[in-house]
Protein backbone atom coordinates (compact mmCIF):
# COMPACT_ATOMS: atom_id res chain seq x y z
CA MET A 1 -78.68 -14.45 26.05
CA ARG A 2 -75.99 -14.33 23.39
CA HIS A 3 -74.99 -11.39 21.23
CA VAL A 4 -75.01 -12.39 17.53
CA TYR A 5 -74.15 -10.02 14.72
CA LYS A 6 -76.10 -10.57 11.46
CA PRO A 7 -74.78 -8.41 8.62
CA SER A 8 -77.16 -9.75 5.93
CA THR A 9 -80.52 -9.59 7.70
CA VAL A 10 -83.24 -8.07 5.50
CA ASN A 11 -86.51 -6.69 6.75
CA PRO A 12 -89.20 -8.70 4.87
CA HIS A 13 -91.94 -6.14 5.49
CA PHE A 14 -89.77 -3.41 3.98
CA CYS A 15 -89.11 -5.51 0.85
CA ALA A 16 -92.82 -6.21 0.45
CA ARG A 17 -93.66 -2.54 0.64
CA VAL A 18 -90.98 -1.66 -1.90
CA MET A 19 -92.09 -4.42 -4.32
CA ASN A 20 -95.77 -3.52 -4.36
CA GLY A 21 -95.04 0.25 -4.36
CA SER A 22 -97.17 0.97 -1.32
CA ASP A 23 -94.43 2.85 0.55
CA ARG A 24 -94.53 6.27 -1.10
CA THR A 25 -94.76 9.84 -0.03
CA PRO A 26 -98.23 11.39 0.40
CA LEU A 27 -97.85 13.41 -2.82
CA SER A 28 -97.61 10.55 -5.38
CA SER A 29 -98.08 10.65 -9.14
CA LYS A 30 -101.61 9.31 -8.77
CA ALA A 31 -102.49 12.14 -6.43
CA ILE A 32 -101.04 14.66 -8.89
CA VAL A 33 -103.17 13.25 -11.72
CA GLU A 34 -106.30 13.41 -9.58
CA THR A 35 -105.45 16.98 -8.61
CA LYS A 36 -105.02 17.91 -12.28
CA GLN A 37 -108.38 16.44 -13.18
CA GLN A 38 -110.08 18.24 -10.33
CA GLY A 39 -108.37 21.52 -11.30
CA GLU A 40 -109.47 21.19 -14.94
CA SER A 41 -113.07 20.47 -13.97
CA THR A 42 -113.06 23.36 -11.49
CA SER A 43 -111.59 25.71 -14.12
CA ARG A 44 -114.25 24.76 -16.66
CA ALA A 45 -117.00 25.16 -14.07
CA SER A 46 -115.69 28.53 -12.89
CA SER A 47 -115.32 29.90 -16.43
CA GLY A 48 -118.81 28.74 -17.34
CA GLY A 49 -120.19 30.21 -14.12
CA LEU A 50 -118.51 33.55 -14.88
CA VAL A 51 -120.01 33.70 -18.36
CA ARG A 52 -123.47 32.85 -17.02
CA ALA A 53 -123.10 35.46 -14.25
CA LEU A 54 -122.19 38.16 -16.79
CA LYS A 55 -125.15 37.25 -18.99
CA GLN A 56 -127.60 37.23 -16.09
CA TRP A 57 -126.25 40.36 -14.38
CA ARG A 58 -128.70 43.23 -14.11
CA PRO A 59 -127.06 46.49 -12.92
CA LEU A 60 -130.23 47.96 -11.44
CA LYS A 61 -131.02 44.83 -9.45
CA THR A 62 -127.56 44.75 -7.82
CA PRO A 63 -126.87 48.36 -6.78
CA ARG A 64 -123.99 47.51 -4.46
CA THR A 65 -122.07 45.57 -7.07
CA THR A 66 -122.78 48.19 -9.70
CA SER A 67 -121.67 51.08 -7.48
CA THR A 68 -118.51 49.19 -6.50
CA LEU A 69 -117.59 48.59 -10.14
CA VAL A 70 -118.34 52.20 -11.05
CA LEU A 71 -116.12 53.49 -8.22
CA TYR A 72 -113.38 51.06 -9.22
CA VAL A 73 -113.40 52.18 -12.86
CA LEU A 74 -113.63 55.83 -11.82
CA GLY A 75 -110.64 55.41 -9.48
CA LEU A 76 -108.50 53.86 -12.20
CA TYR A 77 -109.50 56.59 -14.64
CA VAL A 78 -108.58 59.33 -12.17
CA ALA A 79 -105.28 57.64 -11.28
CA PHE A 80 -103.99 57.04 -14.81
CA TYR A 81 -105.94 58.97 -17.43
CA ALA A 82 -107.74 61.99 -15.98
CA ARG A 83 -106.17 65.43 -16.21
CA ALA A 84 -106.28 68.04 -13.47
CA PRO A 85 -109.61 69.91 -13.50
CA VAL A 86 -107.88 73.29 -13.17
CA GLN A 87 -105.31 74.09 -15.85
CA ILE A 88 -102.49 76.43 -14.84
CA THR A 89 -102.44 79.57 -16.94
CA ASP A 90 -99.59 82.02 -17.40
CA ALA A 91 -101.24 84.52 -15.07
CA MET A 92 -101.63 81.90 -12.33
CA ALA A 93 -98.02 80.78 -12.70
CA THR A 94 -96.82 84.39 -12.54
CA ALA A 95 -98.86 85.08 -9.39
CA TYR A 96 -97.53 81.88 -7.79
CA GLU A 97 -93.89 82.77 -8.52
CA THR A 98 -94.46 86.30 -7.18
CA ARG A 99 -95.86 84.88 -3.95
CA LEU A 100 -92.88 82.56 -3.60
CA ARG A 101 -90.43 85.42 -4.00
CA GLU A 102 -92.33 87.39 -1.38
CA VAL A 103 -92.13 84.46 1.03
CA ASP A 104 -88.38 84.15 0.49
CA THR A 105 -87.88 87.86 0.98
CA GLU A 106 -90.05 88.16 4.07
CA PHE A 107 -89.23 84.96 5.93
CA GLY A 108 -85.95 83.74 4.47
CA GLU A 109 -83.59 85.74 6.67
CA SER A 110 -85.71 85.63 9.84
CA LEU A 111 -86.28 81.89 9.57
CA THR A 112 -82.60 81.24 8.97
CA SER A 113 -81.65 83.37 11.97
CA ALA A 114 -84.19 81.60 14.22
CA LEU A 115 -82.92 78.21 13.09
CA ARG A 116 -79.30 79.22 13.72
CA ASP A 117 -80.11 80.52 17.23
CA HIS A 118 -81.94 77.31 18.11
CA ARG A 119 -79.06 75.13 16.95
CA GLN A 120 -76.57 77.18 18.98
CA ALA A 121 -78.78 76.86 22.07
CA GLU A 122 -79.03 73.10 21.57
CA MET A 123 -75.25 72.84 21.23
CA ARG A 124 -74.85 74.84 24.44
CA VAL A 125 -77.12 72.40 26.30
CA ARG A 126 -75.14 69.42 24.97
CA GLU A 127 -71.85 70.97 26.08
CA LEU A 128 -73.16 71.49 29.62
CA THR A 129 -74.69 68.01 29.93
CA PRO A 130 -71.98 65.39 29.39
CA PHE A 131 -72.34 61.72 30.30
CA MET A 132 -73.61 61.20 33.88
CA TRP A 133 -73.90 64.94 34.44
CA ARG A 134 -76.78 64.47 36.90
CA ILE A 135 -74.39 62.71 39.29
CA ARG A 136 -71.25 64.77 38.81
CA ALA A 137 -72.71 68.29 38.25
CA SER A 138 -72.41 70.82 41.07
CA GLY A 139 -75.00 73.40 42.09
CA GLY A 140 -73.55 76.15 39.90
CA THR A 141 -73.38 73.82 36.91
CA ARG A 142 -77.01 72.84 37.37
CA MET A 143 -78.03 76.49 37.37
CA ARG A 144 -76.17 77.07 34.11
CA ILE A 145 -77.79 73.97 32.61
CA ASP A 146 -81.28 75.16 33.58
CA GLU A 147 -80.56 78.55 32.06
CA ALA A 148 -79.34 76.93 28.83
CA LYS A 149 -82.47 74.77 28.63
CA ARG A 150 -84.72 77.79 29.10
CA GLU A 151 -82.85 79.55 26.32
CA ALA A 152 -83.24 76.49 24.07
CA ARG A 153 -87.00 76.39 24.70
CA LYS A 154 -87.24 80.09 23.95
CA THR A 155 -85.40 79.73 20.65
CA PHE A 156 -87.51 76.70 19.76
CA ASN A 157 -90.75 78.61 20.32
CA LYS A 158 -89.41 81.45 18.19
CA LEU A 159 -88.50 79.01 15.43
CA ARG A 160 -91.95 77.40 15.53
CA ALA A 161 -93.61 80.82 15.30
CA GLU A 162 -91.54 81.71 12.22
CA GLU A 163 -92.35 78.35 10.63
CA ARG A 164 -96.08 78.86 11.19
CA LYS A 165 -95.89 82.27 9.54
CA ARG A 166 -93.94 80.80 6.63
CA ASP A 167 -96.44 77.91 6.27
CA GLU A 168 -99.37 80.33 6.20
CA ALA A 169 -97.66 82.42 3.51
CA MET A 170 -96.90 79.25 1.51
CA ARG A 171 -100.53 78.18 1.83
CA LEU A 172 -101.65 81.46 0.30
CA ALA A 173 -99.05 81.09 -2.45
CA ARG A 174 -100.15 77.54 -3.29
CA SER A 175 -103.74 78.71 -3.34
CA GLU A 176 -102.89 80.83 -6.37
CA LEU A 177 -102.82 77.57 -8.31
CA GLY A 178 -105.39 75.65 -6.27
CA LEU A 179 -105.81 72.17 -4.87
CA TRP A 180 -107.41 70.88 -8.09
CA SER A 181 -104.54 72.06 -10.29
CA ASP A 182 -101.56 70.08 -11.48
CA LEU A 183 -99.72 71.10 -8.32
CA GLY A 184 -102.28 69.61 -5.91
CA VAL A 185 -102.98 66.50 -7.99
CA GLY A 186 -99.25 65.89 -8.50
CA ASP A 187 -98.56 66.24 -4.77
CA ALA A 188 -101.34 63.73 -4.00
CA LYS A 189 -99.93 61.23 -6.51
CA ALA A 190 -96.42 61.67 -5.09
CA LEU A 191 -97.76 61.10 -1.58
CA PHE A 192 -99.49 57.88 -2.64
CA LYS A 193 -96.34 56.69 -4.41
CA LYS A 194 -94.37 57.27 -1.23
CA SER A 195 -96.91 55.29 0.82
CA TYR A 196 -96.89 52.51 -1.77
CA GLU A 197 -93.10 52.27 -1.68
CA ARG A 198 -93.17 51.94 2.13
CA GLY A 199 -95.74 49.15 1.89
CA LYS A 200 -93.75 47.37 -0.82
CA VAL A 201 -90.55 47.56 1.22
CA PHE A 202 -92.37 46.13 4.24
CA ALA A 203 -93.80 43.26 2.16
CA THR A 204 -90.44 42.47 0.54
CA ARG A 205 -88.58 42.44 3.85
CA SER A 206 -91.23 40.29 5.53
CA THR A 207 -91.26 37.85 2.60
CA PHE A 208 -87.48 37.46 2.77
CA TRP A 209 -87.43 36.63 6.47
CA ASP A 210 -90.51 34.38 6.27
CA GLY A 211 -89.00 32.49 3.33
CA LEU A 212 -85.73 32.05 5.19
CA SER A 213 -87.59 30.76 8.23
CA LEU A 214 -89.61 28.41 6.03
CA MET A 215 -86.45 26.90 4.53
CA LEU A 216 -84.71 26.52 7.89
CA ARG A 217 -87.59 24.84 9.69
CA GLY A 218 -89.06 22.98 6.71
CA LYS A 219 -89.98 19.33 7.06
CA SER A 220 -87.75 16.80 5.37
CA ASP A 221 -90.73 14.76 4.11
CA GLU A 222 -92.51 17.80 2.61
CA SER A 223 -92.98 17.67 -1.15
CA THR A 224 -91.59 20.31 -3.48
CA VAL A 225 -95.05 21.32 -4.70
CA SER A 226 -96.25 21.83 -1.14
CA PHE A 227 -93.20 23.98 -0.36
CA PHE A 228 -93.77 26.28 -3.34
CA LEU A 229 -97.47 26.61 -2.55
CA ARG A 230 -96.73 27.56 1.06
CA TRP A 231 -94.15 30.10 -0.05
CA GLY A 232 -96.63 31.59 -2.52
CA MET A 233 -99.22 31.99 0.23
CA ILE A 234 -96.63 33.79 2.37
CA VAL A 235 -95.85 36.20 -0.48
CA LEU A 236 -99.53 36.96 -1.05
CA SER A 237 -100.27 37.53 2.62
CA ASN A 238 -97.28 39.83 3.11
CA PHE A 239 -98.07 41.95 0.06
CA THR A 240 -101.73 42.15 1.06
CA VAL A 241 -100.76 43.51 4.48
CA GLY A 242 -98.23 45.88 2.88
CA MET A 243 -100.79 47.31 0.44
CA ILE A 244 -103.38 47.75 3.18
CA SER A 245 -100.82 49.59 5.31
CA ALA A 246 -100.03 51.81 2.29
CA ILE A 247 -103.71 52.76 1.99
CA VAL A 248 -103.97 53.50 5.72
CA GLY A 249 -100.81 55.63 5.68
CA PHE A 250 -102.01 57.55 2.64
CA ALA A 251 -105.41 58.16 4.24
CA PHE A 252 -103.79 59.64 7.36
CA ALA A 253 -101.22 61.77 5.48
CA LEU A 254 -103.61 63.21 2.89
CA PRO A 255 -105.37 65.74 5.21
CA SER A 256 -102.10 67.52 5.94
CA LEU A 257 -101.48 67.90 2.20
CA ILE A 258 -104.99 69.28 1.67
CA GLY A 259 -104.43 71.67 4.56
CA SER A 260 -101.46 73.19 2.73
CA PHE A 261 -103.97 74.78 0.33
CA SER A 262 -106.55 77.40 1.20
CA VAL A 263 -109.75 75.60 0.14
CA SER A 264 -113.29 75.26 1.43
CA LEU A 265 -114.50 72.31 3.49
CA TRP A 266 -116.62 70.86 0.68
CA SER A 267 -113.79 71.05 -1.84
CA ALA A 268 -111.34 69.46 0.60
CA THR A 269 -113.79 66.64 1.43
CA LEU A 270 -114.49 65.90 -2.24
CA PHE A 271 -110.77 65.86 -3.08
CA TYR A 272 -110.08 63.53 -0.14
CA ILE A 273 -112.79 61.06 -1.20
CA ILE A 274 -111.72 61.00 -4.85
CA ALA A 275 -108.03 60.59 -3.98
CA LEU A 276 -108.77 57.80 -1.51
CA VAL A 277 -111.05 55.94 -3.94
CA SER A 278 -108.39 56.23 -6.64
CA ALA A 279 -105.71 54.86 -4.32
CA MET A 280 -107.92 51.96 -3.29
CA ALA A 281 -108.66 51.14 -6.94
CA VAL A 282 -104.94 51.05 -7.77
CA VAL A 283 -104.18 48.81 -4.78
CA ALA A 284 -107.10 46.53 -5.64
CA SER A 285 -105.78 46.19 -9.20
CA ILE A 286 -102.33 45.27 -7.91
CA LEU A 287 -103.76 42.66 -5.56
CA PHE A 288 -106.06 41.24 -8.27
CA ALA A 289 -103.09 40.89 -10.60
CA MET A 290 -101.01 39.21 -7.90
CA TYR A 291 -103.73 36.74 -6.90
CA GLY A 292 -104.51 35.97 -10.53
CA THR A 293 -100.85 35.36 -11.29
CA ALA A 294 -100.53 33.17 -8.21
CA ALA A 295 -103.58 31.11 -9.17
CA GLY A 296 -102.30 30.63 -12.72
CA SER A 297 -98.83 29.72 -11.49
CA ALA A 298 -100.25 27.19 -9.04
CA TYR A 299 -102.37 25.63 -11.79
CA VAL A 300 -99.39 25.36 -14.15
CA LEU A 301 -97.21 23.99 -11.35
CA VAL A 302 -99.68 21.26 -10.46
CA LYS A 303 -100.60 20.42 -14.07
CA HIS A 304 -97.20 20.39 -15.79
CA ALA A 305 -94.44 20.39 -13.20
CA GLY A 306 -96.33 18.38 -10.58
CA PRO A 307 -95.71 14.88 -12.04
CA ALA A 308 -91.99 15.54 -12.53
CA LEU A 309 -91.64 16.91 -9.01
CA ALA A 310 -93.61 13.94 -7.67
CA ARG A 311 -91.20 11.53 -9.39
CA LEU A 312 -88.28 13.39 -7.84
CA ASP A 313 -89.95 13.15 -4.44
CA ASP A 314 -90.55 9.42 -4.96
CA ALA A 315 -86.93 8.91 -5.93
CA ASP A 316 -85.79 10.83 -2.88
CA ALA A 317 -88.12 8.78 -0.69
CA ARG A 318 -86.72 5.51 -2.11
CA ARG A 319 -83.20 6.78 -1.53
CA ARG A 320 -84.02 7.48 2.10
CA GLN A 321 -85.60 4.05 2.41
CA ARG A 322 -82.43 2.41 1.10
CA ILE A 323 -80.36 4.37 3.59
CA ASP A 324 -82.70 3.29 6.40
CA GLN A 325 -82.52 -0.32 5.23
CA ARG A 326 -78.70 -0.26 5.24
CA ALA A 327 -78.72 1.19 8.73
CA TYR A 328 -81.19 -1.52 9.79
CA ASN A 329 -78.99 -4.26 8.31
CA ARG A 330 -75.87 -2.96 10.07
CA ARG A 331 -77.59 -2.66 13.43
CA PRO A 332 -76.63 -5.44 15.86
CA HIS A 333 -79.46 -7.90 16.65
CA TYR A 334 -80.09 -10.01 19.70
CA GLU A 335 -81.40 -13.56 19.83
């Protein structure tokens, strides 16, 4: 068998595929046009179905849907428009400030002293327990360490007792205004905002790392439209999980806020339900807006930018085919 080098050999099957245009990526211009037509028909059908559903809707025949919509509207109203049921008067504000001054006078010095003693005891324990002290410490040193730890526990218990007394006095002071006043409602809104920020930070961080992973391990033959759609789904899923975690965190942190006021069980339960419904309505509105924006963006991407992106993908595919053909021509052949 002889080794013959043929620099000008052309693959006839490759040329036939290029001439008739059958060798294209899965997302061709024809597929984009069909997708546009399907999207337009689906949009017309969905809009018509929505109008018919609104005309045929009977609130009394669908109690679950009606109650859900009523709670949703009520939650949005409470979150953005409703005022606190209890308005703070001058007498209430004066009584609240008097209570605060009494708390500072009664517990300010004692609490500061207890905190200082506990910090000194903790520093004493750290000084007696250096690195690898369990191996190098002698019997006398261990006795001093045990004594320092007992002193630290004693000062900690004293500090906790002072803090409980201070918290009880603050609860009575806050009760001068009430849970349903601007103070309680403002604290609940601040707590929800804090939970929302934590959920948003989680979603943003997860989206960044998922997007980076998607770019690093993306397929070379994947179309641009498919890449953007996958990235959009990642954003939606991460923000959905982040908002759900914000609701869960708010639901678990709200009882401690309610406990800082001296209120009855029925009042606390009603406040908890209203605050939780309001938070869920706000989160639902955010998610509705995100999903609606994503659906509109996907429709615009497929309808207007899809053909241009498909042409770019086709051009890139032809460029890769030419590179493959040159590599095939330069490859040594055997007869």
